[in-house]
Amino acid sequence: MSKKRFRYLFGPVPSRRFGRSLGVDLTPYKTCSFDCIFCQLGKTPEKTIARKEYAPTVEVLSELEEWLKTDGKADYITLSGSGEPTLHSGFGQIFEFVHKNSKIPSVLLTNGSMLCHPEVREAAALADVVKVSLSAWDQASYEWVNRPHADLRFDQLIQGQKDFRARFKGRLHMEIFLIKGLNAFPGDVQKIAGFAREIAPDRIQLNTAIRPPAEAFAAPLSRTEMDKLACLFEPAAEVIAEFNAAKLKDIAANEDTIFSMLQRRPCTASQIGEVFGMHLNEVSKYLGKLIRNGKVQSTRRDEDVYYFAA
């Protein structure tokens, strides 16, 4: 990205699923309908299902216009970021602008909780690729793993995704996040697989808590365990957890600078982001790799997680 600091755009970030992806962040930090135990961005302070214009749409479009003129190189433009993008009442306008002004395909990363609303399904259908989430099989497991807003029901989540699949002409991906000892027993994964068959996404992808999660008890599965569970899906699911992250030059450079700072003093992910001008999604990617390589460890102090050189 150009040297200009954008407020609502970040990256392009290297992504295993979407190559070099330009992120578009439409909500304040952790504005979400869920408080997932595995979230790499930490806990949700206050869950919401209120849909409104959290970020001024005109300003987001202005930044996109400038980025397309000054850089404009990415494999995808992705609505993701610090919260649930479908809570933004104008997110469909972003997709309309991208289609009109560039040939870069667009992606929506959503937890799927708002797809029970017809207007959300209509706006989401403007994306080229939509990734929904499913990590539970009934209301109880929904509340254990995703900890949704009190007004959200598991049957709404399933029906909303079914209704969206029926009208969506693009590529639908489904991410299933598995946590050891919680929702990864074969019998329970088979129940999740049953709902996945009903929704019929184009691709099913399995993930686990490789990056630092919101809750310390959210333990990851091994690659062998993930491969065995992938076979329970029809067709077999793809394991996307970054057990061996690609050694891309830009990732390595950022790892080195982050590690050098953590050698001097412990920092939170937010502090790292402020120092280097990175989005929290970027920071979590690099921290995850440093932790897997044994170079960095973490410790909790009250509500904050601090990272330090091992």
C-alpha atoms as a PDB file:
ATOM      1  CA  MET A   1       0.000   0.000   0.000  1.00  0.00           C
ATOM      2  CA  SER A   2       1.095   3.591  -0.523  1.00  0.00           C
ATOM      3  CA  LYS A   3       2.707   5.482   2.371  1.00  0.00           C
ATOM      4  CA  LYS A   4      -0.554   7.325   3.058  1.00  0.00           C
ATOM      5  CA  ARG A   5      -2.281   6.080   6.176  1.00  0.00           C
ATOM      6  CA  PHE A   6      -5.839   5.094   5.384  1.00  0.00           C
ATOM      7  CA  ARG A   7      -8.428   4.977   8.110  1.00  0.00           C
ATOM      8  CA  TYR A   8     -10.660   2.239   6.720  1.00  0.00           C
ATOM      9  CA  LEU A   9      -8.332   0.286   4.419  1.00  0.00           C
ATOM     10  CA  PHE A  10      -5.484  -1.990   5.474  1.00  0.00           C
ATOM     11  CA  GLY A  11      -2.994  -4.218   3.681  1.00  0.00           C
ATOM     12  CA  PRO A  12      -2.897  -5.747   1.180  1.00  0.00           C
ATOM     13  CA  VAL A  13      -2.394  -8.593   3.654  1.00  0.00           C
ATOM     14  CA  PRO A  14      -0.955 -11.960   2.546  1.00  0.00           C
ATOM     15  CA  SER A  15      -3.740 -14.530   2.874  1.00  0.00           C
ATOM     16  CA  ARG A  16      -3.572 -18.262   2.296  1.00  0.00           C
ATOM     17  CA  ARG A  17      -7.124 -18.246   0.982  1.00  0.00           C
ATOM     18  CA  PHE A  18      -7.181 -15.003  -1.005  1.00  0.00           C
ATOM     19  CA  GLY A  19      -3.587 -14.160  -1.930  1.00  0.00           C
ATOM     20  CA  ARG A  20      -2.842 -10.457  -1.428  1.00  0.00           C
ATOM     21  CA  SER A  21      -6.051  -9.112   0.045  1.00  0.00           C
ATOM     22  CA  LEU A  22      -6.902  -5.430   0.603  1.00  0.00           C
ATOM     23  CA  GLY A  23      -8.963  -5.215   3.789  1.00  0.00           C
ATOM     24  CA  VAL A  24     -11.891  -2.826   4.220  1.00  0.00           C
ATOM     25  CA  ASP A  25     -12.835  -2.241   7.864  1.00  0.00           C
ATOM     26  CA  LEU A  26     -16.363  -0.885   8.273  1.00  0.00           C
ATOM     27  CA  THR A  27     -16.860  -1.101  12.049  1.00  0.00           C
ATOM     28  CA  PRO A  28     -15.090   0.046  15.212  1.00  0.00           C
ATOM     29  CA  TYR A  29     -12.962  -2.507  17.047  1.00  0.00           C
ATOM     30  CA  LYS A  30     -14.914  -5.660  17.996  1.00  0.00           C
ATOM     31  CA  THR A  31     -18.312  -4.370  16.902  1.00  0.00           C
ATOM     32  CA  CYS A  32     -19.791  -7.820  16.540  1.00  0.00           C
ATOM     33  CA  SER A  33     -22.866  -9.970  17.107  1.00  0.00           C
ATOM     34  CA  PHE A  34     -20.624 -12.779  18.461  1.00  0.00           C
ATOM     35  CA  ASP A  35     -18.013 -13.128  21.180  1.00  0.00           C
ATOM     36  CA  CYS A  36     -16.275 -16.237  19.816  1.00  0.00           C
ATOM     37  CA  ILE A  37     -13.891 -17.959  22.202  1.00  0.00           C
ATOM     38  CA  PHE A  38     -11.363 -18.384  19.373  1.00  0.00           C
ATOM     39  CA  CYS A  39     -11.389 -14.824  17.986  1.00  0.00           C
ATOM     40  CA  GLN A  40      -7.887 -13.603  17.179  1.00  0.00           C
ATOM     41  CA  LEU A  41      -8.906 -10.011  17.974  1.00  0.00           C
ATOM     42  CA  GLY A  42      -9.865 -10.752  21.573  1.00  0.00           C
ATOM     43  CA  LYS A  43     -13.140 -10.504  23.466  1.00  0.00           C
ATOM     44  CA  THR A  44     -16.174  -8.517  22.309  1.00  0.00           C
ATOM     45  CA  PRO A  45     -16.797  -5.761  24.910  1.00  0.00           C
ATOM     46  CA  GLU A  46     -20.492  -5.445  24.059  1.00  0.00           C
ATOM     47  CA  LYS A  47     -22.299  -7.580  21.497  1.00  0.00           C
ATOM     48  CA  THR A  48     -24.724  -5.851  19.139  1.00  0.00           C
ATOM     49  CA  ILE A  49     -27.104  -6.652  16.303  1.00  0.00           C
ATOM     50  CA  ALA A  50     -27.793  -2.977  15.525  1.00  0.00           C
ATOM     51  CA  ARG A  51     -27.236  -2.258  11.832  1.00  0.00           C
ATOM     52  CA  LYS A  52     -26.123   1.306  11.081  1.00  0.00           C
ATOM     53  CA  GLU A  53     -23.502   3.315   9.205  1.00  0.00           C
ATOM     54  CA  TYR A  54     -20.620   2.799  11.631  1.00  0.00           C
ATOM     55  CA  ALA A  55     -18.049   4.155   9.153  1.00  0.00           C
ATOM     56  CA  PRO A  56     -19.152   6.979   6.791  1.00  0.00           C
ATOM     57  CA  THR A  57     -19.737   5.204   3.486  1.00  0.00           C
ATOM     58  CA  VAL A  58     -18.681   8.251   1.470  1.00  0.00           C
ATOM     59  CA  GLU A  59     -15.296   8.322   3.235  1.00  0.00           C
ATOM     60  CA  VAL A  60     -14.721   4.602   2.697  1.00  0.00           C
ATOM     61  CA  LEU A  61     -15.497   4.999  -1.009  1.00  0.00           C
ATOM     62  CA  SER A  62     -13.169   8.010  -1.212  1.00  0.00           C
ATOM     63  CA  GLU A  63     -10.308   5.962   0.246  1.00  0.00           C
ATOM     64  CA  LEU A  64     -11.007   3.109  -2.158  1.00  0.00           C
ATOM     65  CA  GLU A  65     -11.017   5.528  -5.072  1.00  0.00           C
ATOM     66  CA  GLU A  66      -7.653   6.952  -4.009  1.00  0.00           C
ATOM     67  CA  TRP A  67      -6.173   3.493  -3.438  1.00  0.00           C
ATOM     68  CA  LEU A  68      -7.282   2.335  -6.888  1.00  0.00           C
ATOM     69  CA  LYS A  69      -5.588   5.395  -8.440  1.00  0.00           C
ATOM     70  CA  THR A  70      -2.335   5.257  -6.459  1.00  0.00           C
ATOM     71  CA  ASP A  71      -1.825   1.528  -5.953  1.00  0.00           C
ATOM     72  CA  GLY A  72      -4.724  -0.692  -6.967  1.00  0.00           C
ATOM     73  CA  LYS A  73      -2.798  -3.968  -6.843  1.00  0.00           C
ATOM     74  CA  ALA A  74      -4.436  -6.817  -4.947  1.00  0.00           C
ATOM     75  CA  ASP A  75      -5.890 -10.232  -5.661  1.00  0.00           C
ATOM     76  CA  TYR A  76      -9.080  -9.463  -3.739  1.00  0.00           C
ATOM     77  CA  ILE A  77     -10.810  -6.597  -1.938  1.00  0.00           C
ATOM     78  CA  THR A  78     -12.183  -8.011   1.287  1.00  0.00           C
ATOM     79  CA  LEU A  79     -14.747  -6.690   3.748  1.00  0.00           C
ATOM     80  CA  SER A  80     -13.418  -7.935   7.070  1.00  0.00           C
ATOM     81  CA  GLY A  81     -11.502  -6.105   9.789  1.00  0.00           C
ATOM     82  CA  SER A  82     -12.343  -5.382  13.408  1.00  0.00           C
ATOM     83  CA  GLY A  83     -15.909  -6.665  13.571  1.00  0.00           C
ATOM     84  CA  GLU A  84     -18.873  -8.065  11.653  1.00  0.00           C
ATOM     85  CA  PRO A  85     -19.081  -6.158   8.313  1.00  0.00           C
ATOM     86  CA  THR A  86     -22.773  -6.927   7.677  1.00  0.00           C
ATOM     87  CA  LEU A  87     -23.652  -4.785  10.701  1.00  0.00           C
ATOM     88  CA  HIS A  88     -22.750  -1.799   8.505  1.00  0.00           C
ATOM     89  CA  SER A  89     -25.965  -0.664   6.853  1.00  0.00           C
ATOM     90  CA  GLY A  90     -24.222   0.382   3.618  1.00  0.00           C
ATOM     91  CA  PHE A  91     -21.804  -2.488   3.019  1.00  0.00           C
ATOM     92  CA  GLY A  92     -23.520  -3.373  -0.263  1.00  0.00           C
ATOM     93  CA  GLN A  93     -22.520   0.031  -1.671  1.00  0.00           C
ATOM     94  CA  ILE A  94     -18.865  -0.937  -1.249  1.00  0.00           C
ATOM     95  CA  PHE A  95     -19.338  -3.968  -3.484  1.00  0.00           C
ATOM     96  CA  GLU A  96     -21.216  -1.889  -6.061  1.00  0.00           C
ATOM     97  CA  PHE A  97     -18.346   0.616  -6.182  1.00  0.00           C
ATOM     98  CA  VAL A  98     -15.686  -2.107  -6.517  1.00  0.00           C
ATOM     99  CA  HIS A  99     -17.531  -3.777  -9.396  1.00  0.00           C
ATOM    100  CA  LYS A 100     -18.022  -0.461 -11.174  1.00  0.00           C
ATOM    101  CA  ASN A 101     -14.481   0.853 -10.747  1.00  0.00           C
ATOM    102  CA  SER A 102     -12.160  -2.155 -10.839  1.00  0.00           C
ATOM    103  CA  LYS A 103     -11.758  -5.727 -12.039  1.00  0.00           C
ATOM    104  CA  ILE A 104     -10.561  -6.949  -8.635  1.00  0.00           C
ATOM    105  CA  PRO A 105     -12.964  -9.568  -7.212  1.00  0.00           C
ATOM    106  CA  SER A 106     -14.625  -8.798  -3.889  1.00  0.00           C
ATOM    107  CA  VAL A 107     -14.961 -10.938  -0.766  1.00  0.00           C
ATOM    108  CA  LEU A 108     -17.251 -10.788   2.257  1.00  0.00           C
ATOM    109  CA  LEU A 109     -16.056 -12.475   5.456  1.00  0.00           C
ATOM    110  CA  THR A 110     -19.111 -12.837   7.698  1.00  0.00           C
ATOM    111  CA  ASN A 111     -20.195 -14.897  10.674  1.00  0.00           C
ATOM    112  CA  GLY A 112     -23.541 -15.288   8.898  1.00  0.00           C
ATOM    113  CA  SER A 113     -25.648 -14.100  11.821  1.00  0.00           C
ATOM    114  CA  MET A 114     -27.278 -11.238   9.875  1.00  0.00           C
ATOM    115  CA  LEU A 115     -28.182 -13.312   6.806  1.00  0.00           C
ATOM    116  CA  CYS A 116     -31.581 -13.925   8.399  1.00  0.00           C
ATOM    117  CA  HIS A 117     -32.488 -10.431   7.113  1.00  0.00           C
ATOM    118  CA  PRO A 118     -33.527 -10.159   3.424  1.00  0.00           C
ATOM    119  CA  GLU A 119     -31.773  -6.793   2.954  1.00  0.00           C
ATOM    120  CA  VAL A 120     -28.500  -8.267   4.231  1.00  0.00           C
ATOM    121  CA  ARG A 121     -28.773 -11.247   1.873  1.00  0.00           C
ATOM    122  CA  GLU A 122     -29.414  -8.856  -1.020  1.00  0.00           C
ATOM    123  CA  ALA A 123     -26.318  -6.772  -0.233  1.00  0.00           C
ATOM    124  CA  ALA A 124     -24.120  -9.806   0.461  1.00  0.00           C
ATOM    125  CA  ALA A 125     -25.080 -11.310  -2.906  1.00  0.00           C
ATOM    126  CA  LEU A 126     -23.188  -8.450  -4.606  1.00  0.00           C
ATOM    127  CA  ALA A 127     -19.850  -9.983  -3.529  1.00  0.00           C
ATOM    128  CA  ASP A 128     -17.940 -12.391  -5.752  1.00  0.00           C
ATOM    129  CA  VAL A 129     -17.027 -14.627  -2.818  1.00  0.00           C
ATOM    130  CA  VAL A 130     -18.768 -14.936   0.541  1.00  0.00           C
ATOM    131  CA  LYS A 131     -17.287 -16.847   3.473  1.00  0.00           C
ATOM    132  CA  VAL A 132     -19.770 -17.801   6.203  1.00  0.00           C
ATOM    133  CA  SER A 133     -19.024 -19.501   9.512  1.00  0.00           C
ATOM    134  CA  LEU A 134     -20.466 -22.558  11.243  1.00  0.00           C
ATOM    135  CA  SER A 135     -18.900 -23.998  14.395  1.00  0.00           C
ATOM    136  CA  ALA A 136     -21.923 -25.392  16.269  1.00  0.00           C
ATOM    137  CA  TRP A 137     -24.786 -27.864  15.819  1.00  0.00           C
ATOM    138  CA  ASP A 138     -27.478 -26.612  18.224  1.00  0.00           C
ATOM    139  CA  GLN A 139     -28.340 -23.654  20.447  1.00  0.00           C
ATOM    140  CA  ALA A 140     -26.253 -24.890  23.364  1.00  0.00           C
ATOM    141  CA  SER A 141     -23.066 -25.381  21.334  1.00  0.00           C
ATOM    142  CA  TYR A 142     -23.734 -22.059  19.555  1.00  0.00           C
ATOM    143  CA  GLU A 143     -23.662 -20.357  22.947  1.00  0.00           C
ATOM    144  CA  TRP A 144     -20.520 -22.219  24.082  1.00  0.00           C
ATOM    145  CA  VAL A 145     -18.413 -21.508  21.012  1.00  0.00           C
ATOM    146  CA  ASN A 146     -19.757 -18.315  19.420  1.00  0.00           C
ATOM    147  CA  ARG A 147     -21.410 -16.721  22.461  1.00  0.00           C
ATOM    148  CA  PRO A 148     -23.918 -14.826  20.263  1.00  0.00           C
ATOM    149  CA  HIS A 149     -26.035 -11.806  21.126  1.00  0.00           C
ATOM    150  CA  ALA A 150     -28.930 -12.826  23.363  1.00  0.00           C
ATOM    151  CA  ASP A 151     -31.489 -12.301  20.575  1.00  0.00           C
ATOM    152  CA  LEU A 152     -29.768 -14.628  18.103  1.00  0.00           C
ATOM    153  CA  ARG A 153     -30.894 -18.227  17.601  1.00  0.00           C
ATOM    154  CA  PHE A 154     -29.051 -21.132  16.013  1.00  0.00           C
ATOM    155  CA  ASP A 155     -32.012 -22.035  13.778  1.00  0.00           C
ATOM    156  CA  GLN A 156     -31.960 -18.447  12.434  1.00  0.00           C
ATOM    157  CA  LEU A 157     -28.276 -18.829  11.571  1.00  0.00           C
ATOM    158  CA  ILE A 158     -28.897 -22.025   9.603  1.00  0.00           C
ATOM    159  CA  GLN A 159     -32.016 -20.778   7.804  1.00  0.00           C
ATOM    160  CA  GLY A 160     -30.341 -17.488   6.891  1.00  0.00           C
ATOM    161  CA  GLN A 161     -27.406 -19.316   5.305  1.00  0.00           C
ATOM    162  CA  LYS A 162     -29.755 -21.671   3.443  1.00  0.00           C
ATOM    163  CA  ASP A 163     -31.797 -18.757   2.101  1.00  0.00           C
ATOM    164  CA  PHE A 164     -28.636 -16.957   1.034  1.00  0.00           C
ATOM    165  CA  ARG A 165     -27.250 -20.026  -0.735  1.00  0.00           C
ATOM    166  CA  ALA A 166     -30.505 -20.315  -2.691  1.00  0.00           C
ATOM    167  CA  ARG A 167     -30.071 -16.856  -4.244  1.00  0.00           C
ATOM    168  CA  PHE A 168     -26.295 -16.341  -4.327  1.00  0.00           C
ATOM    169  CA  LYS A 169     -24.664 -16.805  -7.756  1.00  0.00           C
ATOM    170  CA  GLY A 170     -21.062 -16.381  -6.596  1.00  0.00           C
ATOM    171  CA  ARG A 171     -18.738 -18.695  -4.669  1.00  0.00           C
ATOM    172  CA  LEU A 172     -19.833 -19.603  -1.164  1.00  0.00           C
ATOM    173  CA  HIS A 173     -17.151 -20.770   1.272  1.00  0.00           C
ATOM    174  CA  MET A 174     -17.853 -22.087   4.750  1.00  0.00           C
ATOM    175  CA  GLU A 175     -15.290 -21.917   7.563  1.00  0.00           C
ATOM    176  CA  ILE A 176     -15.679 -24.330  10.459  1.00  0.00           C
ATOM    177  CA  PHE A 177     -13.581 -23.459  13.491  1.00  0.00           C
ATOM    178  CA  LEU A 178     -12.778 -26.438  15.717  1.00  0.00           C
ATOM    179  CA  ILE A 179     -11.565 -26.297  19.323  1.00  0.00           C
ATOM    180  CA  LYS A 180     -10.050 -29.283  21.124  1.00  0.00           C
ATOM    181  CA  GLY A 181     -12.386 -30.791  23.713  1.00  0.00           C
ATOM    182  CA  LEU A 182     -15.277 -28.476  22.862  1.00  0.00           C
ATOM    183  CA  ASN A 183     -16.682 -28.895  19.351  1.00  0.00           C
ATOM    184  CA  ALA A 184     -14.155 -31.286  17.767  1.00  0.00           C
ATOM    185  CA  PHE A 185     -15.450 -34.688  18.906  1.00  0.00           C
ATOM    186  CA  PRO A 186     -16.175 -36.765  15.769  1.00  0.00           C
ATOM    187  CA  GLY A 187     -19.858 -37.208  16.644  1.00  0.00           C
ATOM    188  CA  ASP A 188     -20.346 -33.476  17.019  1.00  0.00           C
ATOM    189  CA  VAL A 189     -18.377 -32.670  13.868  1.00  0.00           C
ATOM    190  CA  GLN A 190     -20.653 -35.093  11.996  1.00  0.00           C
ATOM    191  CA  LYS A 191     -23.640 -33.030  13.166  1.00  0.00           C
ATOM    192  CA  ILE A 192     -21.972 -29.860  11.876  1.00  0.00           C
ATOM    193  CA  ALA A 193     -21.237 -31.669   8.605  1.00  0.00           C
ATOM    194  CA  GLY A 194     -24.942 -32.496   8.307  1.00  0.00           C
ATOM    195  CA  PHE A 195     -25.893 -28.816   8.413  1.00  0.00           C
ATOM    196  CA  ALA A 196     -23.092 -28.042   5.960  1.00  0.00           C
ATOM    197  CA  ARG A 197     -24.623 -30.508   3.486  1.00  0.00           C
ATOM    198  CA  GLU A 198     -27.979 -28.734   3.826  1.00  0.00           C
ATOM    199  CA  ILE A 199     -26.439 -25.320   3.144  1.00  0.00           C
ATOM    200  CA  ALA A 200     -24.282 -26.723   0.303  1.00  0.00           C
ATOM    201  CA  PRO A 201     -21.332 -24.294   0.115  1.00  0.00           C
ATOM    202  CA  ASP A 202     -18.877 -24.566  -2.761  1.00  0.00           C
ATOM    203  CA  ARG A 203     -15.961 -25.127  -0.360  1.00  0.00           C
ATOM    204  CA  ILE A 204     -15.728 -26.205   3.275  1.00  0.00           C
ATOM    205  CA  GLN A 205     -12.629 -25.116   5.173  1.00  0.00           C
ATOM    206  CA  LEU A 206     -11.510 -26.225   8.643  1.00  0.00           C
ATOM    207  CA  ASN A 207      -9.621 -23.923  10.976  1.00  0.00           C
ATOM    208  CA  THR A 208      -8.370 -24.094  14.552  1.00  0.00           C
ATOM    209  CA  ALA A 209      -6.845 -21.765  17.149  1.00  0.00           C
ATOM    210  CA  ILE A 210      -3.375 -21.386  15.643  1.00  0.00           C
ATOM    211  CA  ARG A 211      -3.335 -17.640  16.359  1.00  0.00           C
ATOM    212  CA  PRO A 212      -3.705 -16.341  19.927  1.00  0.00           C
ATOM    213  CA  PRO A 213      -7.436 -16.741  20.795  1.00  0.00           C
ATOM    214  CA  ALA A 214      -9.752 -14.633  22.951  1.00  0.00           C
ATOM    215  CA  GLU A 215      -9.835 -17.366  25.604  1.00  0.00           C
ATOM    216  CA  ALA A 216      -6.769 -19.228  26.815  1.00  0.00           C
ATOM    217  CA  PHE A 217      -8.765 -22.481  27.052  1.00  0.00           C
ATOM    218  CA  ALA A 218      -9.460 -22.428  23.289  1.00  0.00           C
ATOM    219  CA  ALA A 219      -6.857 -25.062  22.417  1.00  0.00           C
ATOM    220  CA  PRO A 220      -5.928 -25.919  18.811  1.00  0.00           C
ATOM    221  CA  LEU A 221      -6.071 -29.327  17.188  1.00  0.00           C
ATOM    222  CA  SER A 222      -3.046 -30.891  15.523  1.00  0.00           C
ATOM    223  CA  ARG A 223      -2.753 -31.186  11.764  1.00  0.00           C
ATOM    224  CA  THR A 224      -3.321 -34.957  12.025  1.00  0.00           C
ATOM    225  CA  GLU A 225      -6.515 -34.450  14.041  1.00  0.00           C
ATOM    226  CA  MET A 226      -7.768 -31.858  11.550  1.00  0.00           C
ATOM    227  CA  ASP A 227      -7.086 -34.144   8.582  1.00  0.00           C
ATOM    228  CA  LYS A 228      -9.125 -36.958  10.170  1.00  0.00           C
ATOM    229  CA  LEU A 229     -12.088 -34.672  10.849  1.00  0.00           C
ATOM    230  CA  ALA A 230     -11.939 -33.220   7.321  1.00  0.00           C
ATOM    231  CA  CYS A 231     -12.946 -36.639   5.992  1.00  0.00           C
ATOM    232  CA  LEU A 232     -16.297 -36.416   7.806  1.00  0.00           C
ATOM    233  CA  PHE A 233     -17.495 -33.844   5.276  1.00  0.00           C
ATOM    234  CA  GLU A 234     -18.844 -34.557   1.796  1.00  0.00           C
ATOM    235  CA  PRO A 235     -16.764 -33.769  -0.140  1.00  0.00           C
ATOM    236  CA  ALA A 236     -13.810 -33.764   2.250  1.00  0.00           C
ATOM    237  CA  ALA A 237     -13.121 -30.372   3.815  1.00  0.00           C
ATOM    238  CA  GLU A 238      -9.913 -28.416   3.254  1.00  0.00           C
ATOM    239  CA  VAL A 239      -7.693 -27.718   6.266  1.00  0.00           C
ATOM    240  CA  ILE A 240      -6.740 -24.033   6.090  1.00  0.00           C
ATOM    241  CA  ALA A 241      -5.143 -23.565   9.522  1.00  0.00           C
ATOM    242  CA  GLU A 242      -1.683 -22.115   8.879  1.00  0.00           C
ATOM    243  CA  PHE A 243       0.417 -24.818  10.553  1.00  0.00           C
ATOM    244  CA  ASN A 244       3.226 -23.977   8.128  1.00  0.00           C
ATOM    245  CA  ALA A 245       2.707 -20.402   7.034  1.00  0.00           C
ATOM    246  CA  ALA A 246       4.239 -19.416   3.705  1.00  0.00           C
ATOM    247  CA  LYS A 247       7.580 -17.639   3.991  1.00  0.00           C
ATOM    248  CA  LEU A 248       6.632 -14.493   2.161  1.00  0.00           C
ATOM    249  CA  LYS A 249       9.135 -11.627   2.165  1.00  0.00           C
ATOM    250  CA  ASP A 250       6.750  -9.021   3.508  1.00  0.00           C
ATOM    251  CA  ILE A 251       5.665 -11.326   6.338  1.00  0.00           C
ATOM    252  CA  ALA A 252       9.297 -12.025   7.254  1.00  0.00           C
ATOM    253  CA  ALA A 253      10.133  -8.314   7.317  1.00  0.00           C
ATOM    254  CA  ASN A 254       7.244  -7.524   9.645  1.00  0.00           C
ATOM    255  CA  GLU A 255       8.065 -10.503  11.851  1.00  0.00           C
ATOM    256  CA  ASP A 256      11.605  -9.206  12.289  1.00  0.00           C
ATOM    257  CA  THR A 257      10.510  -5.694  13.269  1.00  0.00           C
ATOM    258  CA  ILE A 258       7.851  -6.969  15.682  1.00  0.00           C
ATOM    259  CA  PHE A 259      10.263  -9.455  17.251  1.00  0.00           C
ATOM    260  CA  SER A 260      12.916  -6.765  17.680  1.00  0.00           C
ATOM    261  CA  MET A 261      10.452  -4.588  19.582  1.00  0.00           C
ATOM    262  CA  LEU A 262       9.280  -7.475  21.781  1.00  0.00           C
ATOM    263  CA  GLN A 263      12.896  -8.195  22.673  1.00  0.00           C
ATOM    264  CA  ARG A 264      12.996  -4.736  24.238  1.00  0.00           C
ATOM    265  CA  ARG A 265       9.631  -4.794  26.055  1.00  0.00           C
ATOM    266  CA  PRO A 266       6.353  -6.762  26.220  1.00  0.00           C
ATOM    267  CA  CYS A 267       3.492  -5.273  24.189  1.00  0.00           C
ATOM    268  CA  THR A 268      -0.167  -5.931  23.465  1.00  0.00           C
ATOM    269  CA  ALA A 269      -1.328  -6.515  19.906  1.00  0.00           C
ATOM    270  CA  SER A 270      -2.941  -3.063  19.911  1.00  0.00           C
ATOM    271  CA  GLN A 271       0.331  -1.430  20.952  1.00  0.00           C
ATOM    272  CA  ILE A 272       2.198  -3.222  18.168  1.00  0.00           C
ATOM    273  CA  GLY A 273      -0.414  -2.044  15.688  1.00  0.00           C
ATOM    274  CA  GLU A 274      -0.089   1.560  16.828  1.00  0.00           C
ATOM    275  CA  VAL A 275       3.708   1.544  16.574  1.00  0.00           C
ATOM    276  CA  PHE A 276       3.906   0.035  13.091  1.00  0.00           C
ATOM    277  CA  GLY A 277       0.665   1.375  11.648  1.00  0.00           C
ATOM    278  CA  MET A 278      -0.723  -2.139  11.198  1.00  0.00           C
ATOM    279  CA  HIS A 279      -4.269  -3.370  11.437  1.00  0.00           C
ATOM    280  CA  LEU A 280      -4.925  -5.893  14.219  1.00  0.00           C
ATOM    281  CA  ASN A 281      -5.591  -8.564  11.587  1.00  0.00           C
ATOM    282  CA  GLU A 282      -2.055  -8.063  10.273  1.00  0.00           C
ATOM    283  CA  VAL A 283      -0.543  -8.054  13.752  1.00  0.00           C
ATOM    284  CA  SER A 284      -2.282 -11.302  14.717  1.00  0.00           C
ATOM    285  CA  LYS A 285      -0.972 -13.016  11.586  1.00  0.00           C
ATOM    286  CA  TYR A 286       2.635 -12.174  12.426  1.00  0.00           C
ATOM    287  CA  LEU A 287       2.263 -12.943  16.138  1.00  0.00           C
ATOM    288  CA  GLY A 288       0.759 -16.320  15.288  1.00  0.00           C
ATOM    289  CA  LYS A 289       3.772 -17.238  13.178  1.00  0.00           C
ATOM    290  CA  LEU A 290       6.245 -16.004  15.816  1.00  0.00           C
ATOM    291  CA  ILE A 291       4.492 -18.054  18.501  1.00  0.00           C
ATOM    292  CA  ARG A 292       4.431 -21.208  16.328  1.00  0.00           C
ATOM    293  CA  ASN A 293       8.167 -20.773  15.738  1.00  0.00           C
ATOM    294  CA  GLY A 294       8.791 -20.522  19.473  1.00  0.00           C
ATOM    295  CA  LYS A 295      10.185 -16.997  19.265  1.00  0.00           C
ATOM    296  CA  VAL A 296       7.375 -15.259  21.161  1.00  0.00           C
ATOM    297  CA  GLN A 297       5.229 -16.143  24.183  1.00  0.00           C
ATOM    298  CA  SER A 298       2.197 -14.475  25.751  1.00  0.00           C
ATOM    299  CA  THR A 299       0.886 -13.740  29.230  1.00  0.00           C
ATOM    300  CA  ARG A 300      -2.396 -12.251  30.467  1.00  0.00           C
ATOM    301  CA  ARG A 301      -2.463  -9.204  32.738  1.00  0.00           C
ATOM    302  CA  ASP A 302      -6.006  -8.434  33.841  1.00  0.00           C
ATOM    303  CA  GLU A 303      -7.950  -8.099  30.550  1.00  0.00           C
ATOM    304  CA  ASP A 304      -4.895  -7.572  28.310  1.00  0.00           C
ATOM    305  CA  VAL A 305      -2.642 -10.137  26.630  1.00  0.00           C
ATOM    306  CA  TYR A 306       1.030  -9.149  26.419  1.00  0.00           C
ATOM    307  CA  TYR A 307       3.536 -10.689  24.017  1.00  0.00           C
ATOM    308  CA  PHE A 308       7.251 -10.989  24.757  1.00  0.00           C
ATOM    309  CA  ALA A 309      10.362 -12.542  23.196  1.00  0.00           C
ATOM    310  CA  ALA A 310      10.857 -16.116  24.395  1.00  0.00           C
END
